[in-house]
């Protein structure tokens, strides 16, 4: 929604959350734990 005010030239510039939960690892869909430290 915030990006609507300023068009981007490529998708590579879009920010992403600092840490990602429940990633799909190895194509199996099993959650990978991430240290919350």
ModelCIF file with pLDDT and N, C-alpha, C, O atoms, coordinates in Angstrom:
data_MODEL
#
_entry.id   MODEL 
#
_entity.id                         1 
_entity.type                       polymer 
_entity.pdbx_number_of_molecules   1 
#
_entity_poly.entity_id                      1 
_entity_poly.type                           'polypeptide(L)' 
_entity_poly.nstd_linkage                   no 
_entity_poly.nstd_monomer                   no 
_entity_poly.pdbx_seq_one_letter_code       
;(UNK)(UNK)(UNK)(UNK)(UNK)(UNK)(UNK)(UNK)(UNK)(UNK)(UNK)(UNK)(UNK)(UNK)(UNK)(UNK)
(UNK)(UNK)(UNK)(UNK)(UNK)(UNK)(UNK)(UNK)(UNK)(UNK)(UNK)(UNK)(UNK)(UNK)(UNK)(UNK)
(UNK)(UNK)(UNK)(UNK)(UNK)
;
_entity_poly.pdbx_seq_one_letter_code_can   XXXXXXXXXXXXXXXXXXXXXXXXXXXXXXXXXXXXX 
_entity_poly.pdbx_strand_id                 A 
#
loop_
_entity_poly_seq.entity_id 
_entity_poly_seq.num 
_entity_poly_seq.mon_id 
_entity_poly_seq.hetero 
1 1  UNK n 
1 2  UNK n 
1 3  UNK n 
1 4  UNK n 
1 5  UNK n 
1 6  UNK n 
1 7  UNK n 
1 8  UNK n 
1 9  UNK n 
1 10 UNK n 
1 11 UNK n 
1 12 UNK n 
1 13 UNK n 
1 14 UNK n 
1 15 UNK n 
1 16 UNK n 
1 17 UNK n 
1 18 UNK n 
1 19 UNK n 
1 20 UNK n 
1 21 UNK n 
1 22 UNK n 
1 23 UNK n 
1 24 UNK n 
1 25 UNK n 
1 26 UNK n 
1 27 UNK n 
1 28 UNK n 
1 29 UNK n 
1 30 UNK n 
1 31 UNK n 
1 32 UNK n 
1 33 UNK n 
1 34 UNK n 
1 35 UNK n 
1 36 UNK n 
1 37 UNK n 
#
_struct_asym.id          A 
_struct_asym.entity_id   1 
#
loop_
_ma_qa_metric.id 
_ma_qa_metric.mode 
_ma_qa_metric.name 
_ma_qa_metric.software_group_id 
_ma_qa_metric.type 
1 global pLDDT . pLDDT 
2 local  pLDDT . pLDDT 
#
_ma_qa_metric_global.metric_id      1 
_ma_qa_metric_global.metric_value   38.73 
_ma_qa_metric_global.model_id       1 
_ma_qa_metric_global.ordinal_id     1 
#
loop_
_ma_qa_metric_local.label_asym_id 
_ma_qa_metric_local.label_comp_id 
_ma_qa_metric_local.label_seq_id 
_ma_qa_metric_local.metric_id 
_ma_qa_metric_local.metric_value 
_ma_qa_metric_local.model_id 
_ma_qa_metric_local.ordinal_id 
A UNK 1  2 47.00 1 1  
A UNK 2  2 48.00 1 2  
A UNK 3  2 44.00 1 3  
A UNK 4  2 43.00 1 4  
A UNK 5  2 43.00 1 5  
A UNK 6  2 40.00 1 6  
A UNK 7  2 42.00 1 7  
A UNK 8  2 40.00 1 8  
A UNK 9  2 39.00 1 9  
A UNK 10 2 39.00 1 10 
A UNK 11 2 38.00 1 11 
A UNK 12 2 39.00 1 12 
A UNK 13 2 39.00 1 13 
A UNK 14 2 39.00 1 14 
A UNK 15 2 39.00 1 15 
A UNK 16 2 39.00 1 16 
A UNK 17 2 38.00 1 17 
A UNK 18 2 36.00 1 18 
A UNK 19 2 35.00 1 19 
A UNK 20 2 34.00 1 20 
A UNK 21 2 36.00 1 21 
A UNK 22 2 36.00 1 22 
A UNK 23 2 37.00 1 23 
A UNK 24 2 40.00 1 24 
A UNK 25 2 37.00 1 25 
A UNK 26 2 37.00 1 26 
A UNK 27 2 39.00 1 27 
A UNK 28 2 39.00 1 28 
A UNK 29 2 40.00 1 29 
A UNK 30 2 36.00 1 30 
A UNK 31 2 38.00 1 31 
A UNK 32 2 36.00 1 32 
A UNK 33 2 37.00 1 33 
A UNK 34 2 36.00 1 34 
A UNK 35 2 38.00 1 35 
A UNK 36 2 35.00 1 36 
A UNK 37 2 35.00 1 37 
#
loop_
_atom_site.group_PDB 
_atom_site.id 
_atom_site.type_symbol 
_atom_site.label_atom_id 
_atom_site.label_alt_id 
_atom_site.label_comp_id 
_atom_site.label_asym_id 
_atom_site.label_entity_id 
_atom_site.label_seq_id 
_atom_site.pdbx_PDB_ins_code 
_atom_site.Cartn_x 
_atom_site.Cartn_y 
_atom_site.Cartn_z 
_atom_site.occupancy 
_atom_site.B_iso_or_equiv 
_atom_site.pdbx_formal_charge 
_atom_site.auth_seq_id 
_atom_site.auth_comp_id 
_atom_site.auth_asym_id 
_atom_site.auth_atom_id 
_atom_site.pdbx_PDB_model_num 
ATOM 1   N N  . UNK A 1 1  ? 0.828  -1.203  0.000   1.00 47.00 ? 1  UNK A N  1 
ATOM 2   C CA . UNK A 1 1  ? 0.000  0.000   0.000   1.00 47.00 ? 1  UNK A CA 1 
ATOM 3   C C  . UNK A 1 1  ? 0.863  1.254   0.000   1.00 47.00 ? 1  UNK A C  1 
ATOM 4   O O  . UNK A 1 1  ? 0.562  2.222   -0.698  1.00 47.00 ? 1  UNK A O  1 
ATOM 5   N N  . UNK A 1 2  ? 1.952  1.234   0.796   1.00 48.00 ? 2  UNK A N  1 
ATOM 6   C CA . UNK A 1 2  ? 2.813  2.405   0.825   1.00 48.00 ? 2  UNK A CA 1 
ATOM 7   C C  . UNK A 1 2  ? 3.500  2.631   -0.498  1.00 48.00 ? 2  UNK A C  1 
ATOM 8   O O  . UNK A 1 2  ? 3.823  3.767   -0.846  1.00 48.00 ? 2  UNK A O  1 
ATOM 9   N N  . UNK A 1 3  ? 3.728  1.561   -1.243  1.00 44.00 ? 3  UNK A N  1 
ATOM 10  C CA . UNK A 1 3  ? 4.442  1.701   -2.510  1.00 44.00 ? 3  UNK A CA 1 
ATOM 11  C C  . UNK A 1 3  ? 3.597  2.347   -3.586  1.00 44.00 ? 3  UNK A C  1 
ATOM 12  O O  . UNK A 1 3  ? 4.115  2.718   -4.639  1.00 44.00 ? 3  UNK A O  1 
ATOM 13  N N  . UNK A 1 4  ? 2.273  2.491   -3.333  1.00 43.00 ? 4  UNK A N  1 
ATOM 14  C CA . UNK A 1 4  ? 1.429  3.087   -4.367  1.00 43.00 ? 4  UNK A CA 1 
ATOM 15  C C  . UNK A 1 4  ? 1.790  4.542   -4.613  1.00 43.00 ? 4  UNK A C  1 
ATOM 16  O O  . UNK A 1 4  ? 1.607  5.052   -5.718  1.00 43.00 ? 4  UNK A O  1 
ATOM 17  N N  . UNK A 1 5  ? 2.307  5.217   -3.577  1.00 43.00 ? 5  UNK A N  1 
ATOM 18  C CA . UNK A 1 5  ? 2.628  6.632   -3.753  1.00 43.00 ? 5  UNK A CA 1 
ATOM 19  C C  . UNK A 1 5  ? 3.883  6.827   -4.585  1.00 43.00 ? 5  UNK A C  1 
ATOM 20  O O  . UNK A 1 5  ? 4.001  7.816   -5.309  1.00 43.00 ? 5  UNK A O  1 
ATOM 21  N N  . UNK A 1 6  ? 4.826  5.890   -4.489  1.00 40.00 ? 6  UNK A N  1 
ATOM 22  C CA . UNK A 1 6  ? 6.082  6.008   -5.222  1.00 40.00 ? 6  UNK A CA 1 
ATOM 23  C C  . UNK A 1 6  ? 6.297  4.760   -6.050  1.00 40.00 ? 6  UNK A C  1 
ATOM 24  O O  . UNK A 1 6  ? 6.616  3.717   -5.479  1.00 40.00 ? 6  UNK A O  1 
ATOM 25  N N  . UNK A 1 7  ? 6.143  4.805   -7.349  1.00 42.00 ? 7  UNK A N  1 
ATOM 26  C CA . UNK A 1 7  ? 6.325  3.604   -8.173  1.00 42.00 ? 7  UNK A CA 1 
ATOM 27  C C  . UNK A 1 7  ? 7.757  3.118   -8.087  1.00 42.00 ? 7  UNK A C  1 
ATOM 28  O O  . UNK A 1 7  ? 8.698  3.908   -8.006  1.00 42.00 ? 7  UNK A O  1 
ATOM 29  N N  . UNK A 1 8  ? 7.906  1.793   -8.108  1.00 40.00 ? 8  UNK A N  1 
ATOM 30  C CA . UNK A 1 8  ? 9.229  1.186   -8.070  1.00 40.00 ? 8  UNK A CA 1 
ATOM 31  C C  . UNK A 1 8  ? 9.620  0.687   -9.453  1.00 40.00 ? 8  UNK A C  1 
ATOM 32  O O  . UNK A 1 8  ? 8.772  0.302   -10.259 1.00 40.00 ? 8  UNK A O  1 
ATOM 33  N N  . UNK A 1 9  ? 10.892 0.702   -9.702  1.00 39.00 ? 9  UNK A N  1 
ATOM 34  C CA . UNK A 1 9  ? 11.366 0.270   -11.008 1.00 39.00 ? 9  UNK A CA 1 
ATOM 35  C C  . UNK A 1 9  ? 11.527 -1.227  -11.079 1.00 39.00 ? 9  UNK A C  1 
ATOM 36  O O  . UNK A 1 9  ? 11.486 -1.795  -12.170 1.00 39.00 ? 9  UNK A O  1 
ATOM 37  N N  . UNK A 1 10 ? 11.711 -1.888  -9.943  1.00 39.00 ? 10 UNK A N  1 
ATOM 38  C CA . UNK A 1 10 ? 11.869 -3.340  -9.955  1.00 39.00 ? 10 UNK A CA 1 
ATOM 39  C C  . UNK A 1 10 ? 11.418 -3.883  -8.625  1.00 39.00 ? 10 UNK A C  1 
ATOM 40  O O  . UNK A 1 10 ? 11.329 -3.161  -7.631  1.00 39.00 ? 10 UNK A O  1 
ATOM 41  N N  . UNK A 1 11 ? 11.135 -5.170  -8.623  1.00 38.00 ? 11 UNK A N  1 
ATOM 42  C CA . UNK A 1 11 ? 10.687 -5.814  -7.399  1.00 38.00 ? 11 UNK A CA 1 
ATOM 43  C C  . UNK A 1 11 ? 11.818 -6.016  -6.422  1.00 38.00 ? 11 UNK A C  1 
ATOM 44  O O  . UNK A 1 11 ? 11.570 -6.251  -5.239  1.00 38.00 ? 11 UNK A O  1 
ATOM 45  N N  . UNK A 1 12 ? 13.047 -5.932  -6.875  1.00 39.00 ? 12 UNK A N  1 
ATOM 46  C CA . UNK A 1 12 ? 14.176 -6.170  -5.990  1.00 39.00 ? 12 UNK A CA 1 
ATOM 47  C C  . UNK A 1 12 ? 14.280 -5.130  -4.896  1.00 39.00 ? 12 UNK A C  1 
ATOM 48  O O  . UNK A 1 12 ? 14.906 -5.390  -3.868  1.00 39.00 ? 12 UNK A O  1 
ATOM 49  N N  . UNK A 1 13 ? 13.693 -3.968  -5.079  1.00 39.00 ? 13 UNK A N  1 
ATOM 50  C CA . UNK A 1 13 ? 13.822 -2.923  -4.093  1.00 39.00 ? 13 UNK A CA 1 
ATOM 51  C C  . UNK A 1 13 ? 12.798 -2.984  -2.990  1.00 39.00 ? 13 UNK A C  1 
ATOM 52  O O  . UNK A 1 13 ? 12.815 -2.132  -2.101  1.00 39.00 ? 13 UNK A O  1 
ATOM 53  N N  . UNK A 1 14 ? 11.896 -3.964  -3.006  1.00 39.00 ? 14 UNK A N  1 
ATOM 54  C CA . UNK A 1 14 ? 10.851 -4.014  -1.992  1.00 39.00 ? 14 UNK A CA 1 
ATOM 55  C C  . UNK A 1 14 ? 11.402 -4.576  -0.697  1.00 39.00 ? 14 UNK A C  1 
ATOM 56  O O  . UNK A 1 14 ? 12.052 -5.622  -0.720  1.00 39.00 ? 14 UNK A O  1 
ATOM 57  N N  . UNK A 1 15 ? 11.165 -3.919  0.440   1.00 39.00 ? 15 UNK A N  1 
ATOM 58  C CA . UNK A 1 15 ? 11.660 -4.434  1.714   1.00 39.00 ? 15 UNK A CA 1 
ATOM 59  C C  . UNK A 1 15 ? 10.865 -5.629  2.176   1.00 39.00 ? 15 UNK A C  1 
ATOM 60  O O  . UNK A 1 15 ? 9.741  -5.856  1.729   1.00 39.00 ? 15 UNK A O  1 
ATOM 61  N N  . UNK A 1 16 ? 11.453 -6.386  3.069   1.00 39.00 ? 16 UNK A N  1 
ATOM 62  C CA . UNK A 1 16 ? 10.871 -7.633  3.545   1.00 39.00 ? 16 UNK A CA 1 
ATOM 63  C C  . UNK A 1 16 ? 10.995 -7.667  5.058   1.00 39.00 ? 16 UNK A C  1 
ATOM 64  O O  . UNK A 1 16 ? 11.887 -7.009  5.592   1.00 39.00 ? 16 UNK A O  1 
ATOM 65  N N  . UNK A 1 17 ? 10.154 -8.393  5.780   1.00 38.00 ? 17 UNK A N  1 
ATOM 66  C CA . UNK A 1 17 ? 10.283 -8.455  7.232   1.00 38.00 ? 17 UNK A CA 1 
ATOM 67  C C  . UNK A 1 17 ? 11.675 -8.865  7.667   1.00 38.00 ? 17 UNK A C  1 
ATOM 68  O O  . UNK A 1 17 ? 12.388 -9.569  6.953   1.00 38.00 ? 17 UNK A O  1 
ATOM 69  N N  . UNK A 1 18 ? 12.051 -8.405  8.868   1.00 36.00 ? 18 UNK A N  1 
ATOM 70  C CA . UNK A 1 18 ? 13.405 -8.656  9.350   1.00 36.00 ? 18 UNK A CA 1 
ATOM 71  C C  . UNK A 1 18 ? 13.682 -10.138 9.523   1.00 36.00 ? 18 UNK A C  1 
ATOM 72  O O  . UNK A 1 18 ? 14.753 -10.621 9.155   1.00 36.00 ? 18 UNK A O  1 
ATOM 73  N N  . UNK A 1 19 ? 12.742 -10.846 10.069  1.00 35.00 ? 19 UNK A N  1 
ATOM 74  C CA . UNK A 1 19 ? 12.904 -12.283 10.260  1.00 35.00 ? 19 UNK A CA 1 
ATOM 75  C C  . UNK A 1 19 ? 11.638 -12.972 9.798   1.00 35.00 ? 19 UNK A C  1 
ATOM 76  O O  . UNK A 1 19 ? 10.538 -12.455 9.994   1.00 35.00 ? 19 UNK A O  1 
ATOM 77  N N  . UNK A 1 20 ? 11.778 -14.091 9.210   1.00 34.00 ? 20 UNK A N  1 
ATOM 78  C CA . UNK A 1 20 ? 10.647 -14.782 8.583   1.00 34.00 ? 20 UNK A CA 1 
ATOM 79  C C  . UNK A 1 20 ? 10.353 -16.044 9.368   1.00 34.00 ? 20 UNK A C  1 
ATOM 80  O O  . UNK A 1 20 ? 11.259 -16.818 9.679   1.00 34.00 ? 20 UNK A O  1 
ATOM 81  N N  . UNK A 1 21 ? 9.109  -16.244 9.681   1.00 36.00 ? 21 UNK A N  1 
ATOM 82  C CA . UNK A 1 21 ? 8.714  -17.449 10.409  1.00 36.00 ? 21 UNK A CA 1 
ATOM 83  C C  . UNK A 1 21 ? 8.119  -18.462 9.461   1.00 36.00 ? 21 UNK A C  1 
ATOM 84  O O  . UNK A 1 21 ? 7.617  -18.120 8.390   1.00 36.00 ? 21 UNK A O  1 
ATOM 85  N N  . UNK A 1 22 ? 8.183  -19.704 9.866   1.00 36.00 ? 22 UNK A N  1 
ATOM 86  C CA . UNK A 1 22 ? 7.633  -20.829 9.117   1.00 36.00 ? 22 UNK A CA 1 
ATOM 87  C C  . UNK A 1 22 ? 8.080  -20.843 7.674   1.00 36.00 ? 22 UNK A C  1 
ATOM 88  O O  . UNK A 1 22 ? 7.233  -20.813 6.781   1.00 36.00 ? 22 UNK A O  1 
ATOM 89  N N  . UNK A 1 23 ? 9.386  -20.888 7.401   1.00 37.00 ? 23 UNK A N  1 
ATOM 90  C CA . UNK A 1 23 ? 9.823  -20.999 6.011   1.00 37.00 ? 23 UNK A CA 1 
ATOM 91  C C  . UNK A 1 23 ? 9.648  -22.411 5.517   1.00 37.00 ? 23 UNK A C  1 
ATOM 92  O O  . UNK A 1 23 ? 9.582  -23.359 6.300   1.00 37.00 ? 23 UNK A O  1 
ATOM 93  N N  . UNK A 1 24 ? 9.573  -22.542 4.199   1.00 40.00 ? 24 UNK A N  1 
ATOM 94  C CA . UNK A 1 24 ? 9.464  -23.862 3.578   1.00 40.00 ? 24 UNK A CA 1 
ATOM 95  C C  . UNK A 1 24 ? 10.874 -24.286 3.178   1.00 40.00 ? 24 UNK A C  1 
ATOM 96  O O  . UNK A 1 24 ? 11.451 -23.745 2.236   1.00 40.00 ? 24 UNK A O  1 
ATOM 97  N N  . UNK A 1 25 ? 11.408 -25.236 3.887   1.00 37.00 ? 25 UNK A N  1 
ATOM 98  C CA . UNK A 1 25 ? 12.792 -25.621 3.657   1.00 37.00 ? 25 UNK A CA 1 
ATOM 99  C C  . UNK A 1 25 ? 12.847 -26.888 2.837   1.00 37.00 ? 25 UNK A C  1 
ATOM 100 O O  . UNK A 1 25 ? 12.110 -27.841 3.088   1.00 37.00 ? 25 UNK A O  1 
ATOM 101 N N  . UNK A 1 26 ? 13.735 -26.889 1.848   1.00 37.00 ? 26 UNK A N  1 
ATOM 102 C CA . UNK A 1 26 ? 13.965 -28.078 1.063   1.00 37.00 ? 26 UNK A CA 1 
ATOM 103 C C  . UNK A 1 26 ? 12.789 -28.557 0.276   1.00 37.00 ? 26 UNK A C  1 
ATOM 104 O O  . UNK A 1 26 ? 12.780 -29.697 -0.190  1.00 37.00 ? 26 UNK A O  1 
ATOM 105 N N  . UNK A 1 27 ? 11.781 -27.710 0.110   1.00 39.00 ? 27 UNK A N  1 
ATOM 106 C CA . UNK A 1 27 ? 10.623 -28.097 -0.684  1.00 39.00 ? 27 UNK A CA 1 
ATOM 107 C C  . UNK A 1 27 ? 9.676  -29.037 0.020   1.00 39.00 ? 27 UNK A C  1 
ATOM 108 O O  . UNK A 1 27 ? 8.765  -29.565 -0.617  1.00 39.00 ? 27 UNK A O  1 
ATOM 109 N N  . UNK A 1 28 ? 9.853  -29.273 1.330   1.00 39.00 ? 28 UNK A N  1 
ATOM 110 C CA . UNK A 1 28 ? 8.980  -30.189 2.045   1.00 39.00 ? 28 UNK A CA 1 
ATOM 111 C C  . UNK A 1 28 ? 7.904  -29.481 2.825   1.00 39.00 ? 28 UNK A C  1 
ATOM 112 O O  . UNK A 1 28 ? 6.930  -30.109 3.239   1.00 39.00 ? 28 UNK A O  1 
ATOM 113 N N  . UNK A 1 29 ? 8.051  -28.188 3.038   1.00 40.00 ? 29 UNK A N  1 
ATOM 114 C CA . UNK A 1 29 ? 7.043  -27.442 3.762   1.00 40.00 ? 29 UNK A CA 1 
ATOM 115 C C  . UNK A 1 29 ? 7.166  -27.546 5.266   1.00 40.00 ? 29 UNK A C  1 
ATOM 116 O O  . UNK A 1 29 ? 6.295  -27.039 5.972   1.00 40.00 ? 29 UNK A O  1 
ATOM 117 N N  . UNK A 1 30 ? 8.224  -28.191 5.805   1.00 36.00 ? 30 UNK A N  1 
ATOM 118 C CA . UNK A 1 30 ? 8.380  -28.313 7.242   1.00 36.00 ? 30 UNK A CA 1 
ATOM 119 C C  . UNK A 1 30 ? 8.939  -27.031 7.807   1.00 36.00 ? 30 UNK A C  1 
ATOM 120 O O  . UNK A 1 30 ? 9.856  -26.453 7.224   1.00 36.00 ? 30 UNK A O  1 
ATOM 121 N N  . UNK A 1 31 ? 8.406  -26.562 8.945   1.00 38.00 ? 31 UNK A N  1 
ATOM 122 C CA . UNK A 1 31 ? 8.904  -25.310 9.513   1.00 38.00 ? 31 UNK A CA 1 
ATOM 123 C C  . UNK A 1 31 ? 10.333 -25.448 9.991   1.00 38.00 ? 31 UNK A C  1 
ATOM 124 O O  . UNK A 1 31 ? 10.736 -26.495 10.499  1.00 38.00 ? 31 UNK A O  1 
ATOM 125 N N  . UNK A 1 32 ? 11.094 -24.381 9.823   1.00 36.00 ? 32 UNK A N  1 
ATOM 126 C CA . UNK A 1 32 ? 12.470 -24.322 10.290  1.00 36.00 ? 32 UNK A CA 1 
ATOM 127 C C  . UNK A 1 32 ? 12.522 -23.356 11.452  1.00 36.00 ? 32 UNK A C  1 
ATOM 128 O O  . UNK A 1 32 ? 12.151 -22.195 11.280  1.00 36.00 ? 32 UNK A O  1 
ATOM 129 N N  . UNK A 1 33 ? 12.964 -23.776 12.631  1.00 37.00 ? 33 UNK A N  1 
ATOM 130 C CA . UNK A 1 33 ? 12.977 -22.859 13.772  1.00 37.00 ? 33 UNK A CA 1 
ATOM 131 C C  . UNK A 1 33 ? 14.019 -21.768 13.586  1.00 37.00 ? 33 UNK A C  1 
ATOM 132 O O  . UNK A 1 33 ? 15.102 -22.004 13.050  1.00 37.00 ? 33 UNK A O  1 
ATOM 133 N N  . UNK A 1 34 ? 13.676 -20.585 14.034  1.00 36.00 ? 34 UNK A N  1 
ATOM 134 C CA . UNK A 1 34 ? 14.577 -19.438 13.975  1.00 36.00 ? 34 UNK A CA 1 
ATOM 135 C C  . UNK A 1 34 ? 14.735 -18.918 15.387  1.00 36.00 ? 34 UNK A C  1 
ATOM 136 O O  . UNK A 1 34 ? 13.744 -18.721 16.090  1.00 36.00 ? 34 UNK A O  1 
ATOM 137 N N  . UNK A 1 35 ? 15.977 -18.691 15.814  1.00 38.00 ? 35 UNK A N  1 
ATOM 138 C CA . UNK A 1 35 ? 16.236 -18.188 17.151  1.00 38.00 ? 35 UNK A CA 1 
ATOM 139 C C  . UNK A 1 35 ? 15.668 -16.796 17.331  1.00 38.00 ? 35 UNK A C  1 
ATOM 140 O O  . UNK A 1 35 ? 15.932 -15.900 16.530  1.00 38.00 ? 35 UNK A O  1 
ATOM 141 N N  . UNK A 1 36 ? 14.892 -16.618 18.376  1.00 35.00 ? 36 UNK A N  1 
ATOM 142 C CA . UNK A 1 36 ? 14.326 -15.310 18.678  1.00 35.00 ? 36 UNK A CA 1 
ATOM 143 C C  . UNK A 1 36 ? 15.224 -14.605 19.698  1.00 35.00 ? 36 UNK A C  1 
ATOM 144 O O  . UNK A 1 36 ? 14.784 -14.266 20.796  1.00 35.00 ? 36 UNK A O  1 
ATOM 145 N N  . UNK A 1 37 ? 16.459 -14.396 19.328  1.00 35.00 ? 37 UNK A N  1 
ATOM 146 C CA . UNK A 1 37 ? 17.418 -13.768 20.226  1.00 35.00 ? 37 UNK A CA 1 
ATOM 147 C C  . UNK A 1 37 ? 17.984 -12.542 19.584  1.00 35.00 ? 37 UNK A C  1 
ATOM 148 O O  . UNK A 1 37 ? 18.818 -11.861 20.181  1.00 35.00 ? 37 UNK A O  1 
#
